[in-house]
Amino acid sequence: MNLKLTMVLSPMADAKVLLCSPYNTYMQSYNGIMYEFCKVAYGLSDCTLLAPPPLQEPSQLYRSAEPIRDKAGRELRRAYAKFRNQLGMVRLPVAQPVRLKEKYDLFFYACSFVHDLSNLDNIHGWEECSRFRVAFIMESWSNLLKDQKGYMKYLDRFDHLFLLNASSIPNLQKMTRAPCTFLPLAADCVAASPFPHLPARSIDVYSMGRRAPAVHRQLSEAMQKNDLLYLFDTTHSGVVIDWAESRQMTADLIKRSKYFVTFDHTIGSALKAREASGEVALSMRYFEGAAGGAVMIGSKPKCAEFRECFDWPDSVLEIPEHPEDIIEILKEFDSDAERLNGIRRTNVMESHLRHDWSHRWQEVLEVCGLPSTSAIAERQSLLTGWANSMQKDTAARSP
């Protein structure tokens, strides 16, 4: 299948790109992925970045830029959104209105959910301002598409769609004229890499976001007994204050962690399990953990995309969701230091060579018929150099 757009842009040194994303509209931690992708891409092409803040006084039912702390409020919001979906209506836009006047070769919209597309109603002129329009949507579940028909009008206005959830592509493709392509997540490997400084891994286990309750309980109890340092989240759906600091903090913690917990996205979240309804997709934490050189423990997603992206031995050391004794499992892993050092080194090397955001942006440009850039080549040359240095000096201190 030819993934390139039917009408290919003429080769040019610096194609003008407008990057647009609602990560400032919804400042929850999950949107840090969109921030990071846009941040890296911004430095690789002739880009203008548009990330509108939220409206000053949006409806409380749609005030996603602030956490809804009580369960009843969250359920009311979901029920109301579902009711609107069933009527073929879409969510009200909550991004501040913007009117575009300049012309661009490419309009690239990056969002976390299908319902984020409604914010395009407040980006006036986004179709007319660009020769080609593509979107990257991180989460799309076949089970939800029947209630998202109102959003198909947005998808049909794009020339190409990039999706993280490959299993949903066949079903979504039936509902839109725009060609759909799988695009994996990645990491800012320049920021995430432990190389060349190789900081000490003073954190025994780091777990962020959703977690397996039994594993969390045992690790928490072990920390109370001073058996290890276990770092985990103590808040849910909090607002991010500063994207750059938030993403760098995550990277700094992972590169200082011995083990990084990476269970399948449905474990620890009944909501995600219902939404996925059997579909499996890659989550960001696998790319983050590998890029930071931590030993990932948890489960391997049972999908072809994981096997393709993480096809090296021991990319994830699998542990039970309900272990008898997680501390004994970790002690057994610790007994083979040579194996762990090899895992950390391989995780970093493979990430540098395959899973930096520059690799994803290069793929987007290729599908759009746009040439790669010198900035992409320079960034990838730096990462390749780091990977080669680690490969040559296998006796050096482990990353």
Protein backbone atom coordinates (compact mmCIF):
# COMPACT_ATOMS: atom_id res chain seq x y z
CA MET A 1 0.00 0.00 0.00
CA ASN A 2 1.34 3.41 -1.00
CA LEU A 3 1.06 5.57 2.10
CA LYS A 4 1.97 8.84 0.39
CA LEU A 5 -0.66 11.42 -0.33
CA THR A 6 -2.10 11.38 -3.82
CA MET A 7 -0.85 14.90 -4.49
CA VAL A 8 2.79 15.12 -3.48
CA LEU A 9 4.32 18.46 -2.58
CA SER A 10 7.16 19.65 -4.74
CA PRO A 11 10.59 19.13 -3.12
CA MET A 12 11.62 22.22 -1.19
CA ALA A 13 14.30 23.13 1.28
CA ASP A 14 12.02 24.41 4.01
CA ALA A 15 8.34 23.53 3.79
CA LYS A 16 6.21 25.75 6.04
CA VAL A 17 4.39 23.72 8.69
CA LEU A 18 1.72 24.73 11.18
CA LEU A 19 1.76 22.48 14.24
CA CYS A 20 -1.49 22.66 16.17
CA SER A 21 -2.45 20.84 19.37
CA PRO A 22 -4.85 21.35 22.31
CA TYR A 23 -2.29 20.38 24.97
CA ASN A 24 -2.59 23.85 26.55
CA THR A 25 -6.37 23.57 26.48
CA TYR A 26 -6.38 20.35 28.49
CA MET A 27 -3.36 20.52 30.79
CA GLN A 28 -3.58 16.99 32.14
CA SER A 29 -0.42 14.89 32.22
CA TYR A 30 -1.47 12.64 29.32
CA ASN A 31 -1.24 15.63 26.97
CA GLY A 32 2.46 15.88 27.74
CA ILE A 33 2.89 13.39 24.90
CA MET A 34 1.42 15.84 22.41
CA TYR A 35 3.50 18.66 23.89
CA GLU A 36 6.69 16.66 23.55
CA PHE A 37 6.00 15.56 19.97
CA CYS A 38 5.25 19.13 18.92
CA LYS A 39 8.25 20.50 20.80
CA VAL A 40 10.67 18.18 19.02
CA ALA A 41 9.02 18.60 15.60
CA TYR A 42 9.12 22.40 16.05
CA GLY A 43 12.90 22.25 16.13
CA LEU A 44 13.17 20.00 13.09
CA SER A 45 11.24 21.91 10.42
CA ASP A 46 10.18 25.44 9.51
CA CYS A 47 7.28 25.34 11.97
CA THR A 48 4.81 27.66 13.59
CA LEU A 49 3.37 26.21 16.80
CA LEU A 50 -0.23 26.87 17.82
CA ALA A 51 -1.43 25.52 21.20
CA PRO A 52 -4.37 27.68 22.33
CA PRO A 53 -5.23 28.04 26.02
CA PRO A 54 -8.76 27.24 27.23
CA LEU A 55 -11.64 29.68 27.14
CA GLN A 56 -11.76 31.90 30.20
CA GLU A 57 -15.16 30.69 31.36
CA PRO A 58 -16.15 27.49 29.58
CA SER A 59 -19.16 25.44 30.68
CA GLN A 60 -18.39 23.52 33.84
CA LEU A 61 -19.36 20.28 32.10
CA TYR A 62 -16.57 20.86 29.61
CA ARG A 63 -13.98 22.42 31.84
CA SER A 64 -11.42 19.71 31.13
CA ALA A 65 -8.53 22.08 31.70
CA GLU A 66 -9.21 21.70 35.43
CA PRO A 67 -9.58 18.39 37.27
CA ILE A 68 -13.07 17.26 38.21
CA ARG A 69 -12.29 15.77 41.58
CA ASP A 70 -15.53 14.15 42.64
CA LYS A 71 -16.66 10.92 41.02
CA ALA A 72 -20.24 12.11 40.55
CA GLY A 73 -19.04 15.11 38.54
CA ARG A 74 -16.91 12.94 36.26
CA GLU A 75 -19.76 10.53 35.65
CA LEU A 76 -22.16 13.38 34.90
CA ARG A 77 -19.76 14.82 32.38
CA ARG A 78 -19.31 11.46 30.66
CA ALA A 79 -23.05 10.80 30.58
CA TYR A 80 -23.77 14.22 29.08
CA ALA A 81 -21.04 13.79 26.46
CA LYS A 82 -22.40 10.35 25.56
CA PHE A 83 -25.91 11.77 25.23
CA ARG A 84 -24.66 14.43 22.81
CA ASN A 85 -22.72 11.80 20.86
CA GLN A 86 -25.82 9.65 20.45
CA LEU A 87 -27.61 12.64 18.98
CA GLY A 88 -24.78 13.08 16.48
CA MET A 89 -23.56 16.19 18.31
CA VAL A 90 -19.97 16.88 19.25
CA ARG A 91 -18.40 18.42 22.31
CA LEU A 92 -18.31 22.17 22.48
CA PRO A 93 -14.89 23.64 21.65
CA VAL A 94 -13.05 24.88 24.73
CA ALA A 95 -9.94 26.30 23.07
CA GLN A 96 -9.67 30.05 22.70
CA PRO A 97 -10.62 31.12 19.16
CA VAL A 98 -7.82 31.81 16.70
CA ARG A 99 -8.04 33.11 13.13
CA LEU A 100 -5.30 31.98 10.78
CA LYS A 101 -4.10 34.28 8.02
CA GLU A 102 -0.72 32.95 6.86
CA LYS A 103 -0.34 30.17 4.30
CA TYR A 104 1.36 26.86 5.04
CA ASP A 105 2.35 23.77 3.11
CA LEU A 106 1.22 21.44 5.89
CA PHE A 107 -1.26 21.68 8.77
CA PHE A 108 -0.50 19.03 11.43
CA TYR A 109 -3.02 18.54 14.25
CA ALA A 110 -1.92 16.35 17.18
CA CYS A 111 -4.47 15.36 19.81
CA SER A 112 -5.07 12.68 22.40
CA PHE A 113 -8.71 11.79 21.70
CA VAL A 114 -11.20 11.83 18.85
CA HIS A 115 -13.38 14.33 20.74
CA ASP A 116 -10.47 16.80 20.78
CA LEU A 117 -11.24 17.40 17.10
CA SER A 118 -14.15 19.67 18.05
CA ASN A 119 -11.65 22.35 19.05
CA LEU A 120 -10.94 22.80 15.35
CA ASP A 121 -14.19 24.81 15.26
CA ASN A 122 -12.29 27.57 17.07
CA ILE A 123 -9.25 27.39 14.73
CA HIS A 124 -10.76 29.52 12.00
CA GLY A 125 -9.23 29.06 8.56
CA TRP A 126 -7.30 25.86 9.34
CA GLU A 127 -8.40 24.22 6.09
CA GLU A 128 -7.91 27.22 3.83
CA CYS A 129 -4.49 28.11 5.25
CA SER A 130 -2.73 24.91 4.18
CA ARG A 131 -2.17 22.85 1.05
CA PHE A 132 -2.34 19.60 2.99
CA ARG A 133 -3.86 18.66 6.32
CA VAL A 134 -2.94 15.67 8.47
CA ALA A 135 -3.81 14.66 12.01
CA PHE A 136 -2.32 12.37 14.65
CA ILE A 137 -4.82 10.91 17.12
CA MET A 138 -3.38 8.99 20.04
CA GLU A 139 -6.46 7.14 21.30
CA SER A 140 -9.16 5.65 19.08
CA TRP A 141 -11.13 2.58 20.16
CA SER A 142 -13.43 0.69 17.80
CA ASN A 143 -15.86 0.19 20.67
CA LEU A 144 -16.39 3.96 20.92
CA LEU A 145 -16.65 4.79 17.23
CA LYS A 146 -20.38 4.10 17.07
CA ASP A 147 -20.90 6.96 19.54
CA GLN A 148 -18.41 9.23 17.76
CA LYS A 149 -20.06 9.47 14.35
CA GLY A 150 -20.46 13.20 14.77
CA TYR A 151 -16.69 13.58 14.66
CA MET A 152 -16.30 11.88 11.29
CA LYS A 153 -17.03 15.21 9.59
CA TYR A 154 -13.69 16.44 10.93
CA LEU A 155 -11.77 13.35 9.83
CA ASP A 156 -13.02 13.66 6.26
CA ARG A 157 -11.51 17.15 6.06
CA PHE A 158 -7.98 15.77 6.50
CA ASP A 159 -5.82 14.38 3.71
CA HIS A 160 -4.26 11.76 5.98
CA LEU A 161 -4.74 10.39 9.50
CA PHE A 162 -2.06 8.92 11.75
CA LEU A 163 -3.32 6.69 14.55
CA LEU A 164 -1.60 5.01 17.49
CA ASN A 165 -4.25 2.31 17.88
CA ALA A 166 -3.58 0.12 14.84
CA SER A 167 -6.35 -2.33 15.74
CA SER A 168 -8.97 0.38 15.25
CA ILE A 169 -7.78 1.37 11.77
CA PRO A 170 -9.90 -1.14 9.77
CA ASN A 171 -13.09 0.01 11.53
CA LEU A 172 -12.26 3.70 11.42
CA GLN A 173 -11.27 3.48 7.77
CA LYS A 174 -14.85 2.42 6.96
CA MET A 175 -16.11 5.69 8.43
CA THR A 176 -13.80 8.22 6.78
CA ARG A 177 -12.42 8.99 3.34
CA ALA A 178 -9.03 10.00 4.75
CA PRO A 179 -6.34 7.28 4.51
CA CYS A 180 -5.33 5.97 7.95
CA THR A 181 -1.78 4.96 8.93
CA PHE A 182 -0.36 3.52 12.16
CA LEU A 183 2.18 5.80 13.84
CA PRO A 184 3.86 4.65 17.07
CA LEU A 185 4.69 6.94 19.93
CA ALA A 186 8.31 7.81 20.73
CA ALA A 187 10.41 9.74 23.23
CA ASP A 188 12.53 12.84 23.33
CA CYS A 189 15.64 10.70 23.43
CA VAL A 190 18.02 13.66 23.69
CA ALA A 191 16.34 14.69 26.96
CA ALA A 192 15.56 11.15 28.16
CA SER A 193 18.91 9.49 27.52
CA PRO A 194 21.11 8.67 30.51
CA PHE A 195 24.07 8.97 28.12
CA PRO A 196 26.62 10.54 28.29
CA HIS A 197 26.40 11.54 31.98
CA LEU A 198 25.09 8.18 33.30
CA PRO A 199 23.49 9.36 36.57
CA ALA A 200 23.32 6.90 39.45
CA ARG A 201 20.14 4.83 39.58
CA SER A 202 19.16 5.69 43.13
CA ILE A 203 15.44 4.89 42.71
CA ASP A 204 14.75 1.17 43.01
CA VAL A 205 11.30 1.12 41.35
CA TYR A 206 9.38 3.90 39.61
CA SER A 207 5.68 3.56 38.74
CA MET A 208 3.62 6.36 37.23
CA GLY A 209 -0.03 6.57 36.30
CA ARG A 210 -2.19 3.46 36.33
CA ARG A 211 -0.78 0.50 38.24
CA ALA A 212 -1.46 -3.09 39.22
CA PRO A 213 -2.91 -2.82 42.76
CA ALA A 214 -1.29 -6.00 44.12
CA VAL A 215 2.17 -5.04 42.85
CA HIS A 216 1.77 -1.50 44.17
CA ARG A 217 0.70 -2.72 47.61
CA GLN A 218 3.69 -5.03 48.00
CA LEU A 219 6.17 -2.41 46.81
CA SER A 220 4.65 0.21 49.10
CA GLU A 221 4.87 -2.15 52.09
CA ALA A 222 8.50 -2.94 51.25
CA MET A 223 9.36 0.77 51.21
CA GLN A 224 7.77 1.22 54.64
CA LYS A 225 10.14 -1.48 55.88
CA ASN A 226 13.09 0.42 54.33
CA ASP A 227 13.73 -2.44 51.90
CA LEU A 228 13.72 -0.20 48.81
CA LEU A 229 12.91 3.25 47.42
CA TYR A 230 9.63 3.06 45.52
CA LEU A 231 8.41 6.16 43.72
CA PHE A 232 4.76 6.41 42.63
CA ASP A 233 1.99 8.93 41.94
CA THR A 234 -0.18 10.08 44.83
CA THR A 235 -2.55 12.27 42.80
CA HIS A 236 -4.95 11.65 39.91
CA SER A 237 -5.80 13.91 36.96
CA GLY A 238 -3.87 16.85 38.32
CA VAL A 239 -3.22 19.98 36.25
CA VAL A 240 0.31 20.38 34.89
CA ILE A 241 1.83 23.76 35.72
CA ASP A 242 4.71 23.76 33.24
CA TRP A 243 5.00 21.28 30.36
CA ALA A 244 8.78 21.54 29.96
CA GLU A 245 9.42 20.96 33.66
CA SER A 246 6.90 18.13 33.82
CA ARG A 247 8.38 16.21 30.88
CA GLN A 248 11.97 16.77 32.00
CA MET A 249 11.14 15.63 35.54
CA THR A 250 9.65 12.39 34.20
CA ALA A 251 12.72 11.77 32.06
CA ASP A 252 15.10 12.55 34.94
CA LEU A 253 13.30 10.16 37.28
CA ILE A 254 13.29 7.29 34.76
CA LYS A 255 16.99 7.63 33.96
CA ARG A 256 17.65 7.40 37.71
CA SER A 257 15.45 4.32 38.23
CA LYS A 258 16.58 0.71 38.25
CA TYR A 259 13.14 -0.67 37.41
CA PHE A 260 10.20 1.00 35.66
CA VAL A 261 6.73 -0.54 35.96
CA THR A 262 5.00 -0.95 32.56
CA PHE A 263 1.79 -2.96 32.64
CA ASP A 264 -0.74 -3.16 29.85
CA HIS A 265 -2.87 0.01 29.65
CA THR A 266 -6.06 -1.79 30.75
CA ILE A 267 -4.59 -3.05 34.02
CA GLY A 268 -5.56 -0.82 36.91
CA SER A 269 -8.25 1.02 34.94
CA ALA A 270 -11.73 -0.42 34.58
CA LEU A 271 -12.65 2.54 32.36
CA LYS A 272 -9.85 1.84 29.87
CA ALA A 273 -10.71 -1.84 29.86
CA ARG A 274 -14.32 -0.99 28.96
CA GLU A 275 -13.28 1.48 26.26
CA ALA A 276 -10.74 -0.89 24.72
CA SER A 277 -13.19 -3.81 24.77
CA GLY A 278 -10.46 -6.30 23.90
CA GLU A 279 -8.34 -4.09 21.64
CA VAL A 280 -4.69 -3.66 22.58
CA ALA A 281 -2.51 -0.63 21.88
CA LEU A 282 0.93 0.62 22.83
CA SER A 283 1.22 3.09 25.68
CA MET A 284 3.76 5.85 26.10
CA ARG A 285 5.44 4.37 29.16
CA TYR A 286 7.18 1.64 27.12
CA PHE A 287 8.93 4.26 24.98
CA GLU A 288 9.76 6.41 28.01
CA GLY A 289 11.11 3.51 30.04
CA ALA A 290 13.31 2.20 27.23
CA ALA A 291 14.67 5.65 26.33
CA GLY A 292 15.65 6.25 29.95
CA GLY A 293 17.47 2.92 30.17
CA ALA A 294 15.40 1.51 33.02
CA VAL A 295 14.66 -2.21 33.21
CA MET A 296 10.96 -2.41 32.40
CA ILE A 297 8.92 -4.84 34.49
CA GLY A 298 5.25 -5.63 33.94
CA SER A 299 3.51 -7.04 30.89
CA LYS A 300 4.03 -6.99 27.13
CA PRO A 301 1.01 -5.77 25.15
CA LYS A 302 -0.26 -8.65 23.04
CA CYS A 303 -0.26 -6.85 19.71
CA ALA A 304 1.85 -6.87 16.57
CA GLU A 305 2.89 -3.25 17.10
CA PHE A 306 4.66 -4.10 20.36
CA ARG A 307 6.48 -7.01 18.77
CA GLU A 308 7.55 -4.72 15.93
CA CYS A 309 8.66 -1.78 18.08
CA PHE A 310 10.23 -3.72 20.97
CA ASP A 311 11.61 -6.77 19.20
CA TRP A 312 14.81 -7.17 21.24
CA PRO A 313 15.26 -9.72 24.06
CA ASP A 314 14.19 -8.65 27.56
CA SER A 315 12.62 -5.39 26.40
CA VAL A 316 10.15 -6.07 29.24
CA LEU A 317 10.71 -8.54 32.07
CA GLU A 318 7.24 -9.93 32.64
CA ILE A 319 5.93 -10.25 36.18
CA PRO A 320 2.50 -11.43 37.39
CA GLU A 321 -0.24 -8.88 37.97
CA HIS A 322 -0.81 -10.63 41.33
CA PRO A 323 2.65 -11.82 42.44
CA GLU A 324 3.18 -13.88 45.56
CA ASP A 325 6.24 -11.81 46.49
CA ILE A 326 7.41 -9.01 44.20
CA ILE A 327 10.49 -8.41 46.35
CA GLU A 328 11.73 -11.96 45.76
CA ILE A 329 11.19 -11.48 42.03
CA LEU A 330 13.29 -8.32 42.07
CA LYS A 331 16.01 -10.03 44.11
CA GLU A 332 16.18 -12.76 41.49
CA PHE A 333 16.54 -10.13 38.75
CA ASP A 334 19.20 -8.31 40.79
CA SER A 335 21.26 -11.51 41.07
CA ASP A 336 22.20 -11.25 37.38
CA ALA A 337 23.82 -7.83 37.14
CA GLU A 338 25.33 -8.56 33.73
CA ARG A 339 21.91 -9.28 32.27
CA LEU A 340 20.41 -6.10 33.75
CA ASN A 341 23.28 -3.97 32.44
CA GLY A 342 22.75 -5.45 28.99
CA ILE A 343 19.02 -4.72 29.15
CA ARG A 344 19.59 -1.09 30.08
CA ARG A 345 22.18 -0.60 27.36
CA THR A 346 20.04 -2.23 24.69
CA ASN A 347 16.93 -0.27 25.69
CA VAL A 348 18.78 3.02 25.28
CA MET A 349 20.53 2.03 22.05
CA GLU A 350 17.36 0.80 20.35
CA SER A 351 15.49 3.92 21.42
CA HIS A 352 18.20 6.19 20.03
CA LEU A 353 18.16 4.40 16.69
CA ARG A 354 14.41 3.86 16.27
CA HIS A 355 12.18 5.60 18.78
CA ASP A 356 13.04 9.27 18.94
CA TRP A 357 10.32 11.75 17.95
CA SER A 358 12.52 12.74 15.02
CA HIS A 359 11.90 9.29 13.53
CA ARG A 360 8.15 9.85 13.75
CA TRP A 361 8.31 13.35 12.31
CA GLN A 362 10.46 12.07 9.46
CA GLU A 363 7.78 9.46 8.71
CA VAL A 364 5.06 12.11 8.71
CA LEU A 365 7.03 14.22 6.24
CA GLU A 366 7.66 11.19 4.03
CA VAL A 367 3.97 10.26 3.89
CA CYS A 368 3.16 13.87 3.05
CA GLY A 369 5.70 13.88 0.24
CA LEU A 370 7.89 16.44 2.00
CA PRO A 371 11.68 16.11 2.14
CA SER A 372 13.47 15.45 5.38
CA THR A 373 15.47 18.28 6.92
CA SER A 374 19.06 18.89 7.92
CA ALA A 375 17.91 19.32 11.53
CA ILE A 376 16.48 15.78 11.51
CA ALA A 377 19.76 14.43 10.14
CA GLU A 378 21.79 16.29 12.77
CA ARG A 379 19.62 15.08 15.65
CA GLN A 380 19.66 11.48 14.48
CA SER A 381 23.42 11.66 13.92
CA LEU A 382 23.87 12.73 17.55
CA LEU A 383 21.71 9.87 18.82
CA THR A 384 23.42 7.35 16.54
CA GLY A 385 26.79 8.53 17.86
CA TRP A 386 25.68 7.97 21.44
CA ALA A 387 24.35 4.51 20.54
CA ASN A 388 27.60 3.57 18.81
CA SER A 389 29.62 4.73 21.80
CA MET A 390 27.61 2.51 24.11
CA GLN A 391 27.92 -0.44 21.76
CA LYS A 392 31.70 -0.11 21.43
CA ASP A 393 32.37 0.29 25.13
CA THR A 394 30.37 -2.63 26.56
CA ALA A 395 32.68 -2.71 29.56
CA ALA A 396 31.76 0.83 30.55
CA ARG A 397 29.44 1.62 33.43
CA SER A 398 25.90 0.60 32.56
CA PRO A 399 23.43 3.27 31.54
